[in-house]
Amino acid sequence: MDWMKIGSALLLGAMIVFLWPRAKQIMKDTRKAEPGEWQSALLPILAVVGFVILLIMMV
């Protein structure tokens, strides 16, 4: 195994270890979504899915 791969694997592991407590705190402190918010988020997602399907059909 190459030293560069070992070093990058160690740095990736260290990043996960250092970011894990912060990610847990962020998930704990976020507010809950209200009913109307999911519907407003669904519209752009459906638009992107429809656009991708359109592009696939054109090929």
Protein backbone atom coordinates (compact mmCIF):
# COMPACT_ATOMS: atom_id res chain seq x y z
CA MET A 1 0.00 0.00 0.00
CA ASP A 2 1.23 3.45 -0.89
CA TRP A 3 2.14 5.96 1.86
CA MET A 4 -0.16 8.52 0.29
CA LYS A 5 -3.14 6.17 0.63
CA ILE A 6 -2.28 5.40 4.25
CA GLY A 7 -1.91 9.10 5.07
CA SER A 8 -5.17 10.05 3.42
CA ALA A 9 -6.99 7.20 5.19
CA LEU A 10 -5.62 8.40 8.55
CA LEU A 11 -6.64 11.99 7.83
CA LEU A 12 -10.11 10.87 6.76
CA GLY A 13 -10.50 8.88 9.98
CA ALA A 14 -9.32 11.86 12.05
CA MET A 15 -11.79 14.14 10.29
CA ILE A 16 -14.66 11.78 11.10
CA VAL A 17 -13.57 11.55 14.75
CA PHE A 18 -13.35 15.34 15.14
CA LEU A 19 -16.60 16.13 13.29
CA TRP A 20 -18.77 13.46 14.96
CA PRO A 21 -19.51 15.40 18.21
CA ARG A 22 -20.37 18.56 16.26
CA ALA A 23 -22.70 16.62 13.95
CA LYS A 24 -24.48 15.10 16.96
CA GLN A 25 -24.96 18.57 18.48
CA ILE A 26 -26.31 19.98 15.20
CA MET A 27 -28.83 17.13 14.88
CA LYS A 28 -29.95 17.65 18.49
CA ASP A 29 -30.38 21.43 18.18
CA THR A 30 -32.24 21.60 14.86
CA ARG A 31 -35.88 22.54 14.84
CA LYS A 32 -38.55 20.14 13.67
CA ALA A 33 -39.99 20.60 10.21
CA GLU A 34 -43.53 21.90 9.96
CA PRO A 35 -46.11 20.26 7.65
CA GLY A 36 -45.93 22.88 4.87
CA GLU A 37 -42.16 22.80 4.62
CA TRP A 38 -42.01 19.26 3.24
CA GLN A 39 -44.40 20.13 0.43
CA SER A 40 -42.34 23.16 -0.54
CA ALA A 41 -39.16 21.07 -0.58
CA LEU A 42 -40.81 18.37 -2.66
CA LEU A 43 -41.59 20.68 -5.60
CA PRO A 44 -37.95 21.44 -6.59
CA ILE A 45 -36.99 17.79 -6.12
CA LEU A 46 -39.78 16.69 -8.46
CA ALA A 47 -38.74 19.34 -10.98
CA VAL A 48 -35.16 18.03 -11.01
CA VAL A 49 -36.35 14.41 -11.33
CA GLY A 50 -38.62 15.39 -14.21
CA PHE A 51 -35.78 17.23 -15.94
CA VAL A 52 -33.47 14.23 -15.59
CA ILE A 53 -36.15 11.93 -17.01
CA LEU A 54 -36.59 14.34 -19.92
CA LEU A 55 -32.85 14.29 -20.59
CA ILE A 56 -32.77 10.49 -20.46
CA MET A 57 -35.66 10.23 -22.92
CA MET A 58 -33.88 12.56 -25.38
CA VAL A 59 -30.87 10.23 -25.68
